[in-house]
Amino acid sequence: MVAIRPGIAGLLGVAGVLLAPTVGSPAPSSPEPCKNVAEAILEASSRLKSPGALSRLAPYMSPDSVPVLERRLGNPGGRSMGLWVALGRTQHASALLAVRGLRASQQLEDRVGHALSLLALGEGAETGTITLALSSAPEALRERVATELAQLWGARPRDLLYPVLEDPSPAVRFVAARHLSSWSTRARRTLHELADGSDQRFRGLALEALVERGQRLPLDRVQRLSASHRTRALMKEASRGNSIALRELRSDLRSSEEPTRVGAMGALAALGAETSESLRRITQKARPAGDYEPELSMARLLLGETSALSSVSEADPAGVARAVEVLWLFTHSKLKTATADPATTASFLPVAERWLLSVRLSEPRAMQLLQAVEVLDPELSLRLSRQRIRGSDGESFEVASHVLGRGGGTGDISSLVAAAKRVEGEDSKSAALVAAARICAR
């Protein structure tokens, strides 16, 4: 049977103003909340329209949801590829019987949805329909089908994607190459070809995909990356002993572009190539434009300079945002050299909590701060996430749900179900219910 990636897909964000914290953890609950989770998921299976929300929730649906989805698909006017795929991703035996009993219309999209549903259930009898769509359907449908195949695990979906590496559309080729690059030299070669191609939309995206796969890039290609990916690529090369990459990062400290300068601070702190004092001297010599004290102080704090905490704590909102970028890059660098002193970490955590609760950070910065706090103190990130799900929906709500689904306890289930019922966004609803279902499954 083809395996399914459960859970929240992709890069999610945490943001928004969090509510005031409560003391302690939720009290243990009875099995009743998990029954409520199943009922809420059953209701959602009849109401959700977003393909992404349905797909994320489908692996957690009980067999009771199968007839609900089947009835929805029985109405030709309400059919969609997302509904077909969701039914397949439930992975229930009754779903296979349901899909076999439903007849697709003559429209290619409907037939492809039927075939993808069967494929998700391990039945490849209609893969010819998928192959036909990938070879002759309009570009938008080819891209959609390739994207759906990339969500399935197993050899058969991958085999169907390999010919897509020759698709005439860069957009479709990119979907296949990005997914297959974990296994295929040919796919990585396709990414390199896209990086050198004439379509500007995918030159940077292809390079970024290569960086995410751990591929080494010549420095001339690194310069074409977005600021954040360029910093990560230079940091990785410097960690391998590339002195030119290290020199580039030091040179970036004088950049007039804020993302470049801030990224260099975080990268140099993570590499441990500088002491707190040497980083301060290099920065002052570089004479970067504007106020750079908050990010410099954060980098120095991470390098063990506890006296830098006061400057970090006193930063204005704009400075806080830059300091958060440094912190996130340090905690997510995956470098052995990026290890903060426990005492330094403990002294900073109250500041991080205050920032999350009282500073109006943008979505990306609040996401980074909560993710960094989760690395430094998982218990604090759980407490903050419990507050966030009491607020409005949005990306921050979704990631707070994800944090609770990964590390929360049975006492969080009722709060997640209540939040799913309260919020309006379907992505947020599915995120909260998935988190609750994960806790119940443990």
Protein backbone atom coordinates (compact mmCIF):
# COMPACT_ATOMS: atom_id res chain seq x y z
CA MET A 1 0.00 0.00 0.00
CA VAL A 2 1.21 3.48 -0.82
CA ALA A 3 2.13 5.30 2.38
CA ILE A 4 0.84 8.78 3.08
CA ARG A 5 2.58 11.72 4.63
CA PRO A 6 0.32 12.65 7.52
CA GLY A 7 0.31 15.97 9.22
CA ILE A 8 0.89 19.61 8.26
CA ALA A 9 2.69 20.04 4.94
CA GLY A 10 5.38 22.37 4.04
CA LEU A 11 6.80 25.46 5.72
CA LEU A 12 4.25 26.81 8.19
CA GLY A 13 4.46 30.13 10.07
CA VAL A 14 3.89 31.21 13.64
CA ALA A 15 2.81 34.78 14.22
CA GLY A 16 0.38 37.09 15.88
CA VAL A 17 0.06 38.58 19.31
CA LEU A 18 -0.18 35.83 21.90
CA LEU A 19 -2.42 36.08 24.89
CA ALA A 20 -1.28 36.28 28.51
CA PRO A 21 0.20 32.98 29.79
CA THR A 22 -1.43 30.72 32.32
CA VAL A 23 0.42 28.84 35.00
CA GLY A 24 1.03 25.12 34.75
CA SER A 25 -0.04 22.45 32.29
CA PRO A 26 -3.53 21.30 31.37
CA ALA A 27 -5.06 18.72 33.67
CA PRO A 28 -5.23 15.10 32.48
CA SER A 29 -8.44 14.24 30.67
CA SER A 30 -10.62 11.18 30.26
CA PRO A 31 -11.00 9.20 27.01
CA GLU A 32 -14.07 11.31 26.23
CA PRO A 33 -12.07 14.09 24.50
CA CYS A 34 -10.74 11.61 21.94
CA LYS A 35 -14.31 10.62 21.13
CA ASN A 36 -15.00 14.31 20.59
CA VAL A 37 -12.01 14.47 18.24
CA ALA A 38 -13.42 11.66 16.12
CA GLU A 39 -16.82 13.38 16.00
CA ALA A 40 -15.27 16.72 15.06
CA ILE A 41 -13.22 15.11 12.27
CA LEU A 42 -16.35 13.35 11.01
CA GLU A 43 -18.16 16.67 10.86
CA ALA A 44 -15.20 18.31 9.14
CA SER A 45 -15.14 15.59 6.48
CA SER A 46 -18.63 16.68 5.44
CA ARG A 47 -17.89 20.42 5.40
CA LEU A 48 -14.30 21.12 4.41
CA LYS A 49 -13.81 22.31 0.85
CA SER A 50 -10.12 23.21 0.80
CA PRO A 51 -8.15 20.41 -0.90
CA GLY A 52 -5.16 21.05 1.34
CA ALA A 53 -7.23 20.92 4.53
CA LEU A 54 -8.96 17.71 3.42
CA SER A 55 -5.67 16.08 2.46
CA ARG A 56 -4.03 16.88 5.78
CA LEU A 57 -6.99 15.61 7.78
CA ALA A 58 -7.77 12.49 5.70
CA PRO A 59 -5.14 10.17 7.27
CA TYR A 60 -6.77 10.80 10.66
CA MET A 61 -10.34 10.14 9.54
CA SER A 62 -12.11 7.09 10.95
CA PRO A 63 -13.98 4.60 8.72
CA ASP A 64 -17.14 6.57 9.57
CA SER A 65 -15.87 9.37 7.33
CA VAL A 66 -15.70 7.12 4.29
CA PRO A 67 -19.46 7.11 3.54
CA VAL A 68 -19.52 10.87 4.15
CA LEU A 69 -16.87 11.47 1.49
CA GLU A 70 -18.53 8.87 -0.72
CA ARG A 71 -21.84 10.75 -0.57
CA ARG A 72 -20.10 13.99 -1.46
CA LEU A 73 -18.47 12.34 -4.46
CA GLY A 74 -21.80 10.84 -5.43
CA ASN A 75 -22.90 14.35 -6.34
CA PRO A 76 -21.17 15.01 -9.69
CA GLY A 77 -21.67 18.74 -9.30
CA GLY A 78 -19.70 18.77 -6.04
CA ARG A 79 -16.82 16.58 -7.11
CA SER A 80 -13.22 17.72 -7.02
CA MET A 81 -9.82 16.12 -7.28
CA GLY A 82 -9.27 17.06 -3.64
CA LEU A 83 -12.27 14.98 -2.55
CA TRP A 84 -11.11 11.99 -4.56
CA VAL A 85 -7.61 12.17 -3.12
CA ALA A 86 -8.88 12.67 0.44
CA LEU A 87 -10.96 9.50 0.19
CA GLY A 88 -7.88 7.59 -0.94
CA ARG A 89 -5.73 9.05 1.79
CA THR A 90 -7.99 7.74 4.52
CA GLN A 91 -6.30 4.39 3.78
CA HIS A 92 -9.34 2.42 4.95
CA ALA A 93 -10.38 -0.82 3.25
CA SER A 94 -13.92 0.51 2.99
CA ALA A 95 -12.53 3.47 1.03
CA LEU A 96 -11.20 1.13 -1.64
CA LEU A 97 -14.64 -0.43 -2.01
CA ALA A 98 -16.18 3.04 -2.17
CA VAL A 99 -13.81 4.28 -4.87
CA ARG A 100 -14.34 1.16 -6.93
CA GLY A 101 -18.09 1.67 -6.66
CA LEU A 102 -17.98 5.28 -7.82
CA ARG A 103 -17.88 5.95 -11.54
CA ALA A 104 -15.84 8.87 -12.79
CA SER A 105 -17.28 11.17 -15.42
CA GLN A 106 -15.76 11.57 -18.87
CA GLN A 107 -13.92 14.71 -17.79
CA LEU A 108 -10.19 14.07 -17.56
CA GLU A 109 -9.79 15.82 -14.22
CA ASP A 110 -12.49 13.64 -12.66
CA ARG A 111 -10.97 10.48 -14.12
CA VAL A 112 -7.53 11.47 -12.84
CA GLY A 113 -8.96 12.12 -9.38
CA HIS A 114 -10.50 8.64 -9.39
CA ALA A 115 -7.17 7.11 -10.46
CA LEU A 116 -5.20 9.04 -7.82
CA SER A 117 -7.64 7.89 -5.15
CA LEU A 118 -7.08 4.28 -6.16
CA LEU A 119 -3.33 4.78 -6.27
CA ALA A 120 -3.34 6.24 -2.76
CA LEU A 121 -5.06 3.04 -1.64
CA GLY A 122 -2.44 0.85 -3.31
CA GLU A 123 -4.50 0.05 -6.41
CA GLY A 124 -2.70 0.89 -9.65
CA ALA A 125 -5.28 -0.35 -12.15
CA GLU A 126 -5.91 3.14 -13.53
CA THR A 127 -2.38 4.55 -13.58
CA GLY A 128 -2.71 4.82 -17.36
CA THR A 129 -5.14 7.68 -16.80
CA ILE A 130 -2.55 9.46 -14.66
CA THR A 131 0.12 8.88 -17.32
CA LEU A 132 -2.20 10.25 -19.99
CA ALA A 133 -2.88 13.40 -17.96
CA LEU A 134 0.82 13.95 -17.30
CA SER A 135 1.62 13.66 -20.99
CA SER A 136 -1.23 15.51 -22.69
CA ALA A 137 -3.36 17.51 -20.22
CA PRO A 138 -3.13 21.33 -20.01
CA GLU A 139 -0.18 22.64 -18.01
CA ALA A 140 -2.23 23.55 -14.92
CA LEU A 141 -3.64 20.04 -14.63
CA ARG A 142 -0.25 18.43 -15.25
CA GLU A 143 1.21 20.51 -12.44
CA ARG A 144 -1.67 19.61 -10.12
CA VAL A 145 -1.35 15.89 -10.83
CA ALA A 146 2.43 16.00 -10.31
CA THR A 147 1.91 17.81 -7.01
CA GLU A 148 -0.57 15.16 -5.83
CA LEU A 149 1.84 12.36 -6.77
CA ALA A 150 4.60 14.07 -4.81
CA GLN A 151 2.42 13.76 -1.69
CA LEU A 152 2.40 9.96 -1.92
CA TRP A 153 5.16 7.72 -0.66
CA GLY A 154 6.19 4.58 -2.43
CA ALA A 155 7.90 3.42 -5.60
CA ARG A 156 4.86 3.56 -7.88
CA PRO A 157 4.11 7.30 -7.47
CA ARG A 158 7.82 8.03 -7.95
CA ASP A 159 7.93 5.93 -11.11
CA LEU A 160 5.04 7.93 -12.52
CA LEU A 161 6.90 11.17 -11.82
CA TYR A 162 10.19 10.32 -13.53
CA PRO A 163 8.91 11.01 -17.09
CA VAL A 164 7.68 14.40 -15.83
CA LEU A 165 11.34 15.45 -15.61
CA GLU A 166 11.08 15.87 -19.40
CA ASP A 167 7.89 17.95 -19.32
CA PRO A 168 8.03 21.05 -21.56
CA SER A 169 6.82 23.27 -18.70
CA PRO A 170 9.46 24.45 -16.17
CA ALA A 171 6.73 24.63 -13.52
CA VAL A 172 5.81 20.97 -13.95
CA ARG A 173 9.43 19.83 -14.21
CA PHE A 174 10.25 21.70 -11.02
CA VAL A 175 7.52 19.91 -9.03
CA ALA A 176 8.86 16.51 -10.08
CA ALA A 177 12.54 17.38 -9.75
CA ARG A 178 12.20 18.88 -6.29
CA HIS A 179 10.41 15.78 -5.00
CA LEU A 180 12.59 13.19 -6.75
CA SER A 181 15.89 14.90 -5.95
CA SER A 182 16.13 12.97 -2.68
CA TRP A 183 16.56 9.76 -4.68
CA SER A 184 17.54 10.66 -8.22
CA THR A 185 20.71 12.08 -9.76
CA ARG A 186 18.65 12.75 -12.85
CA ALA A 187 16.24 14.89 -10.82
CA ARG A 188 19.09 16.87 -9.29
CA ARG A 189 20.47 17.39 -12.79
CA THR A 190 17.06 18.75 -13.82
CA LEU A 191 17.22 21.23 -10.93
CA HIS A 192 20.64 22.36 -12.13
CA GLU A 193 19.24 22.78 -15.65
CA LEU A 194 16.35 24.85 -14.31
CA ALA A 195 18.84 26.94 -12.32
CA ASP A 196 20.61 27.77 -15.59
CA GLY A 197 17.42 28.07 -17.65
CA SER A 198 15.80 31.11 -19.18
CA ASP A 199 12.75 31.15 -16.90
CA GLN A 200 13.60 33.58 -14.12
CA ARG A 201 10.81 32.25 -11.89
CA PHE A 202 12.51 28.91 -11.40
CA ARG A 203 16.21 29.80 -11.49
CA GLY A 204 16.21 30.83 -7.84
CA LEU A 205 13.70 28.18 -6.76
CA ALA A 206 15.78 25.41 -8.29
CA LEU A 207 18.94 26.64 -6.57
CA GLU A 208 17.12 26.88 -3.25
CA ALA A 209 15.84 23.32 -3.66
CA LEU A 210 19.42 22.16 -4.26
CA VAL A 211 20.59 23.94 -1.11
CA GLU A 212 17.79 22.30 0.89
CA ARG A 213 18.93 18.91 -0.43
CA GLY A 214 22.44 19.58 0.84
CA GLN A 215 23.95 20.08 -2.61
CA ARG A 216 27.16 22.08 -2.86
CA LEU A 217 26.99 25.06 -5.21
CA PRO A 218 29.77 27.12 -6.78
CA LEU A 219 29.99 30.54 -5.19
CA ASP A 220 28.87 32.26 -8.39
CA ARG A 221 25.58 30.35 -8.10
CA VAL A 222 25.33 31.08 -4.39
CA GLN A 223 25.31 34.78 -5.21
CA ARG A 224 22.08 34.28 -7.19
CA LEU A 225 20.15 32.93 -4.20
CA SER A 226 17.72 34.88 -2.07
CA ALA A 227 19.35 36.48 0.97
CA SER A 228 18.26 33.76 3.42
CA HIS A 229 19.24 30.84 1.18
CA ARG A 230 22.51 32.53 0.25
CA THR A 231 23.41 32.88 3.91
CA ARG A 232 22.59 29.23 4.61
CA ALA A 233 24.63 28.08 1.62
CA LEU A 234 27.63 30.19 2.64
CA MET A 235 27.32 28.98 6.23
CA LYS A 236 27.30 25.35 5.10
CA GLU A 237 30.32 25.87 2.87
CA ALA A 238 32.19 27.69 5.65
CA SER A 239 31.45 24.80 8.02
CA ARG A 240 33.21 22.54 5.49
CA GLY A 241 36.34 24.66 5.71
CA ASN A 242 35.73 26.93 2.72
CA SER A 243 37.67 30.07 3.64
CA ILE A 244 36.20 32.06 0.73
CA ALA A 245 32.68 31.45 2.04
CA LEU A 246 33.74 32.54 5.52
CA ARG A 247 35.27 35.69 4.06
CA GLU A 248 32.04 36.39 2.20
CA LEU A 249 30.06 36.18 5.44
CA ARG A 250 32.42 38.59 7.16
CA SER A 251 32.15 40.93 4.21
CA ASP A 252 28.35 40.75 4.44
CA LEU A 253 28.53 42.55 7.78
CA ARG A 254 29.02 45.80 5.88
CA SER A 255 26.09 45.20 3.57
CA SER A 256 23.48 47.92 3.30
CA GLU A 257 20.88 45.18 2.80
CA GLU A 258 19.46 44.33 6.21
CA PRO A 259 18.65 40.63 5.52
CA THR A 260 22.21 40.04 4.28
CA ARG A 261 23.81 41.74 7.28
CA VAL A 262 21.55 40.07 9.84
CA GLY A 263 22.04 36.67 8.21
CA ALA A 264 25.80 37.07 8.42
CA MET A 265 25.53 37.77 12.16
CA GLY A 266 23.57 34.59 12.73
CA ALA A 267 25.80 32.48 10.49
CA LEU A 268 29.03 33.65 12.12
CA ALA A 269 27.59 32.99 15.57
CA ALA A 270 26.49 29.50 14.53
CA LEU A 271 29.86 28.70 12.99
CA GLY A 272 31.68 29.68 16.17
CA ALA A 273 34.38 31.16 13.97
CA GLU A 274 34.42 34.34 16.05
CA THR A 275 34.44 35.18 19.71
CA SER A 276 32.00 37.71 21.04
CA GLU A 277 34.69 40.38 21.10
CA SER A 278 36.13 39.61 17.65
CA LEU A 279 32.64 39.72 16.12
CA ARG A 280 32.09 43.12 17.70
CA ARG A 281 35.40 44.41 16.31
CA ILE A 282 34.74 43.07 12.81
CA THR A 283 31.27 44.59 12.79
CA GLN A 284 32.48 47.99 13.93
CA LYS A 285 35.23 47.89 11.32
CA ALA A 286 32.69 47.02 8.64
CA ARG A 287 30.62 50.07 9.65
CA PRO A 288 27.20 48.75 8.61
CA ALA A 289 24.57 51.38 7.94
CA GLY A 290 21.92 52.11 10.54
CA ASP A 291 21.34 50.53 13.91
CA TYR A 292 22.87 47.06 14.15
CA GLU A 293 23.17 46.71 17.93
CA PRO A 294 20.21 44.31 18.55
CA GLU A 295 21.40 41.65 16.10
CA LEU A 296 25.02 42.06 17.18
CA SER A 297 24.03 41.74 20.82
CA MET A 298 22.01 38.60 20.08
CA ALA A 299 24.97 37.06 18.26
CA ARG A 300 27.30 37.96 21.13
CA LEU A 301 24.83 36.55 23.65
CA LEU A 302 24.74 33.25 21.76
CA LEU A 303 28.54 33.24 21.80
CA GLY A 304 28.44 33.37 25.59
CA GLU A 305 28.65 37.11 26.33
CA THR A 306 26.02 37.36 29.07
CA SER A 307 26.49 41.13 29.38
CA ALA A 308 24.86 41.46 25.92
CA LEU A 309 21.51 40.41 27.40
CA SER A 310 20.65 43.95 28.51
CA SER A 311 21.02 45.33 24.97
CA VAL A 312 18.93 42.47 23.58
CA SER A 313 16.23 43.02 26.17
CA GLU A 314 16.00 46.77 25.49
CA ALA A 315 15.64 46.50 21.69
CA ASP A 316 12.76 48.25 19.98
CA PRO A 317 10.31 46.18 17.86
CA ALA A 318 12.39 46.58 14.68
CA GLY A 319 15.51 45.53 16.56
CA VAL A 320 13.69 42.59 18.13
CA ALA A 321 12.76 41.35 14.65
CA ARG A 322 16.41 41.40 13.55
CA ALA A 323 17.58 39.73 16.77
CA VAL A 324 15.01 36.98 16.23
CA GLU A 325 16.43 36.27 12.77
CA VAL A 326 19.88 35.79 14.28
CA LEU A 327 18.48 33.49 16.96
CA TRP A 328 16.50 31.40 14.47
CA LEU A 329 19.45 30.90 12.14
CA PHE A 330 21.61 29.85 15.09
CA THR A 331 19.12 27.34 16.51
CA HIS A 332 18.25 25.87 13.09
CA SER A 333 21.72 25.78 11.54
CA LYS A 334 22.21 22.08 12.40
CA LEU A 335 25.88 22.81 13.09
CA LYS A 336 27.65 21.20 16.02
CA THR A 337 29.28 24.54 16.74
CA ALA A 338 25.89 26.18 17.35
CA THR A 339 25.51 25.33 21.03
CA ALA A 340 24.46 28.06 23.43
CA ASP A 341 25.57 27.97 27.05
CA PRO A 342 22.70 26.64 29.25
CA ALA A 343 23.02 29.54 31.68
CA THR A 344 22.88 32.04 28.82
CA THR A 345 19.83 30.29 27.41
CA ALA A 346 18.07 30.36 30.77
CA SER A 347 18.71 34.08 31.15
CA PHE A 348 17.31 34.83 27.69
CA LEU A 349 14.11 32.76 27.81
CA PRO A 350 12.09 35.28 29.88
CA VAL A 351 12.95 37.90 27.28
CA ALA A 352 11.79 35.60 24.47
CA GLU A 353 8.53 34.96 26.28
CA ARG A 354 7.94 38.67 26.73
CA TRP A 355 8.61 39.27 23.04
CA LEU A 356 6.10 36.61 22.00
CA LEU A 357 3.45 37.89 24.33
CA SER A 358 3.79 41.65 24.03
CA VAL A 359 5.74 42.65 20.91
CA ARG A 360 3.77 42.93 17.68
CA LEU A 361 6.07 40.80 15.54
CA SER A 362 5.39 40.08 11.89
CA GLU A 363 4.29 36.56 10.95
CA PRO A 364 7.74 35.33 9.84
CA ARG A 365 9.53 36.72 12.88
CA ALA A 366 7.01 35.38 15.39
CA MET A 367 7.24 32.01 13.65
CA GLN A 368 11.00 32.00 13.98
CA LEU A 369 10.90 33.01 17.62
CA LEU A 370 8.47 30.28 18.64
CA GLN A 371 10.45 27.71 16.66
CA ALA A 372 13.67 28.85 18.32
CA VAL A 373 12.05 28.69 21.76
CA GLU A 374 10.95 25.14 21.01
CA VAL A 375 14.60 24.22 20.43
CA LEU A 376 15.78 26.01 23.57
CA ASP A 377 12.89 25.12 25.92
CA PRO A 378 10.14 22.80 24.61
CA GLU A 379 8.03 23.29 27.71
CA LEU A 380 7.93 27.05 27.24
CA SER A 381 6.95 26.64 23.59
CA LEU A 382 4.08 24.38 24.64
CA ARG A 383 2.84 26.95 27.15
CA LEU A 384 2.96 29.70 24.54
CA SER A 385 1.23 27.52 21.96
CA ARG A 386 -1.59 26.82 24.39
CA GLN A 387 -2.19 30.54 24.54
CA ARG A 388 -2.02 31.03 20.79
CA ILE A 389 -4.77 28.54 19.96
CA ARG A 390 -7.14 30.64 22.05
CA GLY A 391 -6.76 33.45 19.54
CA SER A 392 -7.81 33.91 15.93
CA ASP A 393 -6.88 31.60 13.10
CA GLY A 394 -3.94 32.04 10.78
CA GLU A 395 -0.49 30.62 10.19
CA SER A 396 0.55 31.20 13.80
CA PHE A 397 -2.48 29.24 14.96
CA GLU A 398 -1.58 26.36 12.65
CA VAL A 399 1.98 26.05 13.88
CA ALA A 400 0.96 26.40 17.51
CA SER A 401 -1.37 23.46 16.86
CA HIS A 402 1.51 21.57 15.30
CA VAL A 403 3.68 22.17 18.38
CA LEU A 404 0.92 20.83 20.62
CA GLY A 405 0.31 17.83 18.39
CA ARG A 406 3.96 16.94 18.64
CA GLY A 407 4.56 17.55 22.33
CA GLY A 408 1.26 18.25 24.05
CA GLY A 409 -0.72 15.97 26.35
CA THR A 410 -4.25 14.67 26.71
CA GLY A 411 -5.23 17.83 28.54
CA ASP A 412 -4.69 19.79 25.31
CA ILE A 413 -7.23 17.78 23.31
CA SER A 414 -10.35 19.61 24.42
CA SER A 415 -8.75 23.00 23.80
CA LEU A 416 -7.74 21.99 20.29
CA VAL A 417 -11.21 20.68 19.44
CA ALA A 418 -12.82 23.84 20.81
CA ALA A 419 -10.40 25.96 18.81
CA ALA A 420 -11.15 24.01 15.63
CA LYS A 421 -14.86 24.70 16.08
CA ARG A 422 -14.30 28.39 16.78
CA VAL A 423 -11.98 29.44 13.97
CA GLU A 424 -13.21 30.01 10.43
CA GLY A 425 -10.15 29.20 8.31
CA GLU A 426 -10.23 25.64 7.03
CA ASP A 427 -6.46 25.24 7.20
CA SER A 428 -6.57 26.24 10.88
CA LYS A 429 -9.48 23.90 11.56
CA SER A 430 -7.66 20.95 10.05
CA ALA A 431 -4.41 21.84 11.84
CA ALA A 432 -6.10 21.82 15.25
CA LEU A 433 -7.92 18.55 14.58
CA VAL A 434 -4.79 16.87 13.26
CA ALA A 435 -2.93 17.92 16.42
CA ALA A 436 -5.69 16.52 18.63
CA ALA A 437 -5.74 13.27 16.64
CA ARG A 438 -1.97 12.90 17.00
CA ILE A 439 -2.22 13.23 20.75
CA CYS A 440 -5.01 10.63 20.84
CA ALA A 441 -2.92 8.26 18.75
CA ARG A 442 -0.05 8.25 21.23
